[in-house]
N, C-alpha and C. Protein backbone atom coordinates (compact mmCIF):
# COMPACT_ATOMS: atom_id res chain seq x y z
N UNK A 1 -2.70 -60.42 83.08
CA UNK A 1 -1.46 -60.32 82.67
C UNK A 1 -0.68 -61.16 83.68
N UNK A 2 0.00 -61.91 83.23
CA UNK A 2 0.80 -62.49 84.23
C UNK A 2 2.31 -61.91 83.58
N UNK A 3 2.92 -61.47 84.73
CA UNK A 3 4.70 -61.50 84.44
C UNK A 3 5.80 -62.50 84.01
N UNK A 4 5.71 -62.35 83.08
CA UNK A 4 7.13 -63.58 82.50
C UNK A 4 8.35 -63.12 82.86
N UNK A 5 9.22 -64.19 83.03
CA UNK A 5 10.62 -63.84 83.33
C UNK A 5 11.41 -63.68 82.08
N UNK A 6 12.30 -62.40 82.12
CA UNK A 6 12.65 -62.24 80.55
C UNK A 6 13.92 -63.14 80.30
N UNK A 7 13.89 -63.47 79.15
CA UNK A 7 15.29 -63.88 78.71
C UNK A 7 15.96 -63.31 77.46
N UNK A 8 17.19 -63.12 77.62
CA UNK A 8 17.84 -62.63 77.34
C UNK A 8 19.28 -63.79 77.14
N UNK A 9 19.19 -63.72 75.50
CA UNK A 9 20.27 -64.68 75.07
C UNK A 9 21.12 -64.08 74.00
N UNK A 10 22.66 -64.12 74.39
CA UNK A 10 24.02 -63.26 74.13
C UNK A 10 24.36 -63.95 72.99
N UNK A 11 25.06 -64.16 71.53
CA UNK A 11 25.61 -64.88 70.97
C UNK A 11 26.20 -64.37 70.54
N UNK A 12 27.62 -64.49 70.64
CA UNK A 12 28.58 -63.71 69.69
C UNK A 12 29.88 -64.65 68.90
N UNK A 13 30.22 -64.32 67.75
CA UNK A 13 31.40 -65.13 67.52
C UNK A 13 32.90 -64.98 67.74
N UNK A 14 33.62 -65.34 68.06
CA UNK A 14 34.72 -65.70 68.75
C UNK A 14 34.98 -65.06 69.72
N UNK A 15 34.33 -65.30 70.38
CA UNK A 15 34.51 -64.61 72.17
C UNK A 15 34.31 -65.78 73.16
N UNK A 16 36.26 -66.24 73.17
CA UNK A 16 36.10 -67.44 74.52
C UNK A 16 35.66 -66.92 75.53
N UNK A 17 35.59 -68.21 76.13
CA UNK A 17 34.92 -68.21 77.94
C UNK A 17 36.53 -67.29 78.34
N UNK A 18 37.52 -67.81 78.57
CA UNK A 18 38.74 -68.24 79.70
C UNK A 18 39.43 -66.54 79.00
N UNK A 19 38.37 -66.06 78.01
CA UNK A 19 39.20 -64.32 78.60
C UNK A 19 38.19 -62.89 78.51
N UNK A 20 36.88 -63.50 79.40
CA UNK A 20 35.84 -63.05 79.84
C UNK A 20 35.69 -63.20 81.09
N UNK A 21 35.24 -61.81 81.77
CA UNK A 21 34.85 -61.93 83.30
C UNK A 21 34.41 -62.83 83.70
N UNK A 22 32.98 -63.36 83.49
CA UNK A 22 31.97 -64.47 84.11
C UNK A 22 32.75 -66.06 84.47
N UNK A 23 34.05 -66.17 83.68
CA UNK A 23 34.95 -67.28 83.43
C UNK A 23 36.01 -66.71 83.68
N UNK A 24 36.57 -66.97 85.37
CA UNK A 24 37.64 -66.15 85.55
C UNK A 24 38.94 -67.40 85.21
N UNK A 25 39.83 -66.28 85.08
CA UNK A 25 41.37 -67.43 84.15
C UNK A 25 42.51 -66.01 84.13
N UNK A 26 43.48 -66.51 84.34
CA UNK A 26 44.76 -65.85 84.12
C UNK A 26 44.63 -65.07 82.89
N UNK A 27 43.80 -65.43 81.58
CA UNK A 27 44.29 -64.72 80.25
C UNK A 27 42.80 -63.89 80.53
N UNK A 28 41.64 -63.61 81.29
CA UNK A 28 40.64 -62.93 81.44
C UNK A 28 41.05 -61.29 81.67
N UNK A 29 42.13 -60.73 80.68
CA UNK A 29 42.92 -59.54 81.00
C UNK A 29 41.17 -58.12 79.78
N UNK A 30 40.52 -59.10 79.20
CA UNK A 30 39.48 -58.25 78.35
C UNK A 30 38.45 -57.63 79.43
N UNK A 31 38.57 -56.10 79.92
CA UNK A 31 36.78 -55.85 80.45
C UNK A 31 36.00 -55.97 79.74
N UNK A 32 35.03 -56.95 80.42
CA UNK A 32 33.67 -57.13 80.08
C UNK A 32 32.46 -56.81 81.21
N UNK A 33 32.37 -56.00 81.80
CA UNK A 33 31.89 -54.83 82.48
C UNK A 33 30.23 -55.11 82.32
N UNK A 34 29.49 -55.34 81.23
CA UNK A 34 28.41 -55.18 81.07
C UNK A 34 27.79 -56.83 81.12
N UNK A 35 28.99 -57.24 80.18
CA UNK A 35 28.54 -58.97 80.39
C UNK A 35 28.69 -60.03 81.79
N UNK A 36 29.85 -58.66 82.39
CA UNK A 36 30.15 -59.40 84.00
C UNK A 36 28.79 -59.07 84.81
N UNK A 37 27.70 -58.06 84.59
CA UNK A 37 26.88 -57.63 84.99
C UNK A 37 25.93 -58.20 84.98
N UNK A 38 25.15 -58.82 83.59
CA UNK A 38 24.92 -59.68 83.49
C UNK A 38 24.42 -60.93 84.09
N UNK A 39 25.83 -61.54 83.72
CA UNK A 39 26.42 -62.63 84.29
C UNK A 39 25.74 -62.99 85.59
N UNK A 40 25.96 -61.71 86.81
CA UNK A 40 25.78 -61.74 88.39
C UNK A 40 24.70 -61.58 88.46
N UNK A 41 23.56 -61.45 87.23
CA UNK A 41 22.02 -61.94 88.17
C UNK A 41 21.17 -62.88 86.79
N UNK A 42 22.32 -63.87 86.00
CA UNK A 42 21.47 -64.52 85.12
C UNK A 42 22.17 -66.15 85.88
N UNK A 43 21.99 -66.96 84.79
CA UNK A 43 22.41 -68.63 84.96
C UNK A 43 23.45 -68.11 83.74
N UNK A 44 24.66 -68.69 84.64
CA UNK A 44 26.26 -68.86 83.10
C UNK A 44 26.13 -70.50 83.42
N UNK A 45 26.47 -70.42 82.15
CA UNK A 45 26.33 -72.22 81.96
C UNK A 45 28.04 -72.21 81.87
N UNK A 46 28.80 -73.54 82.65
CA UNK A 46 29.91 -74.28 82.44
C UNK A 46 30.44 -74.24 81.49
N UNK A 47 29.50 -75.58 80.80
CA UNK A 47 29.37 -76.52 80.24
C UNK A 47 29.14 -76.42 78.79
N UNK A 48 29.50 -76.97 77.85
CA UNK A 48 28.81 -76.27 76.20
C UNK A 48 28.49 -77.42 75.62
N UNK A 49 28.11 -77.39 74.77
CA UNK A 49 27.85 -78.21 73.66
C UNK A 49 27.59 -77.98 72.64
N UNK A 50 28.38 -77.92 71.14
CA UNK A 50 27.66 -77.45 69.83
C UNK A 50 26.95 -78.22 69.24
N UNK A 51 26.17 -78.25 68.56
CA UNK A 51 25.85 -79.01 67.38
C UNK A 51 26.47 -79.22 65.96
N UNK A 52 27.41 -78.34 65.80
CA UNK A 52 28.18 -78.06 64.43
C UNK A 52 29.39 -77.18 65.07
N UNK A 53 30.40 -77.14 64.65
CA UNK A 53 31.94 -76.57 65.17
C UNK A 53 31.32 -75.51 63.93
N UNK A 54 30.60 -74.90 63.02
CA UNK A 54 30.07 -73.80 62.47
C UNK A 54 29.16 -72.90 63.18
N UNK A 55 28.99 -71.59 62.99
CA UNK A 55 28.53 -70.31 63.71
C UNK A 55 26.73 -70.51 62.97
N UNK A 56 26.91 -70.65 61.73
CA UNK A 56 25.63 -70.17 61.14
C UNK A 56 24.75 -71.70 61.44
N UNK A 57 25.49 -72.73 60.86
CA UNK A 57 24.44 -74.32 61.01
C UNK A 57 23.84 -73.94 62.82
N UNK A 58 24.86 -73.94 63.28
CA UNK A 58 24.54 -73.63 65.09
C UNK A 58 23.61 -72.93 65.48
N UNK A 59 23.70 -71.55 64.24
CA UNK A 59 22.58 -70.97 65.17
C UNK A 59 21.27 -71.55 64.79
N UNK A 60 21.20 -72.18 63.58
CA UNK A 60 20.24 -72.30 63.11
C UNK A 60 19.60 -73.68 64.28
N UNK A 61 20.44 -74.74 64.63
CA UNK A 61 20.15 -75.49 65.50
C UNK A 61 19.57 -74.86 66.07
N UNK A 62 19.91 -73.86 67.29
CA UNK A 62 19.52 -72.94 68.18
C UNK A 62 17.91 -72.89 68.03
N UNK A 63 17.58 -72.02 66.57
CA UNK A 63 16.27 -71.31 66.29
C UNK A 63 15.60 -72.43 66.52
N UNK A 64 15.73 -73.57 65.83
CA UNK A 64 14.92 -74.64 65.35
C UNK A 64 14.66 -75.77 66.41
N UNK A 65 15.73 -75.79 67.10
CA UNK A 65 15.96 -77.18 68.18
C UNK A 65 16.16 -78.59 67.54
N UNK A 66 16.79 -78.53 66.24
CA UNK A 66 17.21 -79.79 66.16
C UNK A 66 18.28 -79.92 65.42
N UNK A 67 19.27 -80.76 65.10
CA UNK A 67 20.35 -81.26 64.43
C UNK A 67 20.67 -80.42 63.39
N UNK A 68 21.63 -79.96 62.54
CA UNK A 68 22.49 -79.47 61.05
C UNK A 68 21.27 -80.66 60.40
N UNK A 69 21.79 -81.81 60.47
CA UNK A 69 21.38 -82.96 59.64
C UNK A 69 20.25 -83.04 59.07
N UNK A 70 18.89 -82.69 60.15
CA UNK A 70 17.45 -82.18 59.95
C UNK A 70 17.11 -81.25 59.47
N UNK A 71 17.90 -79.50 59.57
CA UNK A 71 17.60 -78.75 59.38
C UNK A 71 17.78 -78.16 58.24
N UNK A 72 19.26 -78.83 57.63
CA UNK A 72 19.44 -78.79 56.37
C UNK A 72 20.82 -77.34 55.77
N UNK A 73 21.14 -76.75 56.93
CA UNK A 73 21.86 -75.80 57.07
C UNK A 73 22.96 -76.13 57.55
N UNK A 74 23.87 -76.35 56.56
CA UNK A 74 25.36 -77.03 57.02
C UNK A 74 26.52 -76.74 57.32
N UNK A 75 26.34 -75.52 56.37
CA UNK A 75 27.63 -74.34 56.51
C UNK A 75 27.09 -73.14 56.33
N UNK A 76 28.58 -72.71 56.31
CA UNK A 76 28.33 -70.93 56.35
C UNK A 76 28.03 -69.84 55.46
N UNK A 77 27.57 -70.17 54.26
CA UNK A 77 27.35 -70.07 53.12
C UNK A 77 26.93 -70.56 51.77
N UNK A 78 26.32 -70.22 50.88
CA UNK A 78 25.76 -71.02 49.85
C UNK A 78 24.26 -71.81 49.48
N UNK A 79 24.18 -72.44 49.43
CA UNK A 79 22.82 -73.05 48.79
C UNK A 79 23.13 -74.10 50.51
N UNK A 80 23.70 -74.66 50.96
CA UNK A 80 23.25 -75.34 51.77
C UNK A 80 23.50 -74.31 53.10
N UNK A 81 23.40 -73.62 53.39
CA UNK A 81 23.56 -72.52 54.32
C UNK A 81 21.81 -72.45 54.62
N UNK A 82 21.08 -72.95 54.32
CA UNK A 82 19.43 -72.25 54.44
C UNK A 82 18.95 -73.68 55.24
N UNK A 83 17.70 -73.50 56.21
CA UNK A 83 17.12 -74.32 56.68
C UNK A 83 15.59 -74.52 56.07
N UNK A 84 16.04 -75.72 55.84
CA UNK A 84 14.55 -76.23 55.13
C UNK A 84 13.14 -75.97 55.43
N UNK A 85 12.31 -76.09 54.74
CA UNK A 85 11.36 -75.46 54.83
C UNK A 85 9.94 -76.28 55.41
N UNK A 86 9.30 -75.57 56.33
CA UNK A 86 9.00 -76.61 57.81
C UNK A 86 8.94 -76.35 59.05
N UNK A 87 10.20 -76.00 59.63
CA UNK A 87 10.59 -75.63 60.95
C UNK A 87 10.05 -74.78 61.28
N UNK A 88 9.55 -74.97 62.53
CA UNK A 88 9.55 -73.39 63.41
C UNK A 88 10.05 -73.13 63.96
N UNK A 89 10.65 -71.88 64.64
CA UNK A 89 11.45 -71.29 64.99
C UNK A 89 11.13 -70.53 66.41
N UNK A 90 12.22 -70.70 67.34
CA UNK A 90 12.32 -70.42 68.78
C UNK A 90 11.86 -68.75 68.87
N UNK A 91 11.86 -67.33 67.93
CA UNK A 91 11.31 -66.62 68.15
C UNK A 91 9.80 -66.53 68.06
N UNK A 92 9.29 -67.24 67.25
CA UNK A 92 8.15 -67.22 67.27
C UNK A 92 6.91 -68.15 68.02
N UNK A 93 8.36 -68.86 68.35
CA UNK A 93 7.54 -69.96 69.26
C UNK A 93 7.17 -69.12 70.97
N UNK A 94 8.19 -68.28 71.28
CA UNK A 94 8.08 -67.47 72.25
C UNK A 94 7.21 -66.45 72.09
N UNK A 95 7.30 -65.75 70.78
CA UNK A 95 6.11 -64.82 70.45
C UNK A 95 4.46 -65.47 70.94
N UNK A 96 4.62 -66.56 70.33
CA UNK A 96 3.12 -67.43 70.70
C UNK A 96 3.19 -67.72 72.18
N UNK A 97 3.87 -67.68 72.82
CA UNK A 97 3.79 -67.97 74.44
C UNK A 97 3.55 -66.90 74.76
N UNK A 98 3.26 -65.62 74.68
CA UNK A 98 3.16 -64.39 75.26
C UNK A 98 4.51 -63.04 75.08
N UNK A 99 5.63 -63.42 74.57
CA UNK A 99 6.89 -63.03 75.08
C UNK A 99 6.50 -61.42 73.72
N UNK A 100 7.07 -60.90 74.05
CA UNK A 100 7.47 -59.51 73.36
C UNK A 100 9.24 -60.19 72.75
N UNK A 101 9.04 -60.28 71.64
CA UNK A 101 10.72 -60.66 71.09
C UNK A 101 11.00 -59.96 70.07
N UNK A 102 12.31 -59.28 70.69
CA UNK A 102 13.29 -58.12 69.95
C UNK A 102 14.44 -58.61 69.86
N UNK A 103 14.87 -58.41 68.37
CA UNK A 103 16.08 -58.70 68.07
C UNK A 103 17.40 -57.44 67.50
């Protein structure tokens, strides 16, 4: 069995990059030692694009690899907060590729 690299995806609501250690700024006064430790040994992205300014639709886009208008989850609640049937999810694809997926 080949050793696959670890994949860790951290996702947090309302965590501005200008207040945490991996993105130094004059406002980074919130100690984030664990995030800083992970960032020292990981890929840290400096430019980010979101599929939607709302968190739930964006998470659905990350998990399906599609835009909100395709997967159908376009709000944070109610009947328009569900992904349409027929989409494959990133954790399932990773599991199929031999990764042990945990949440």
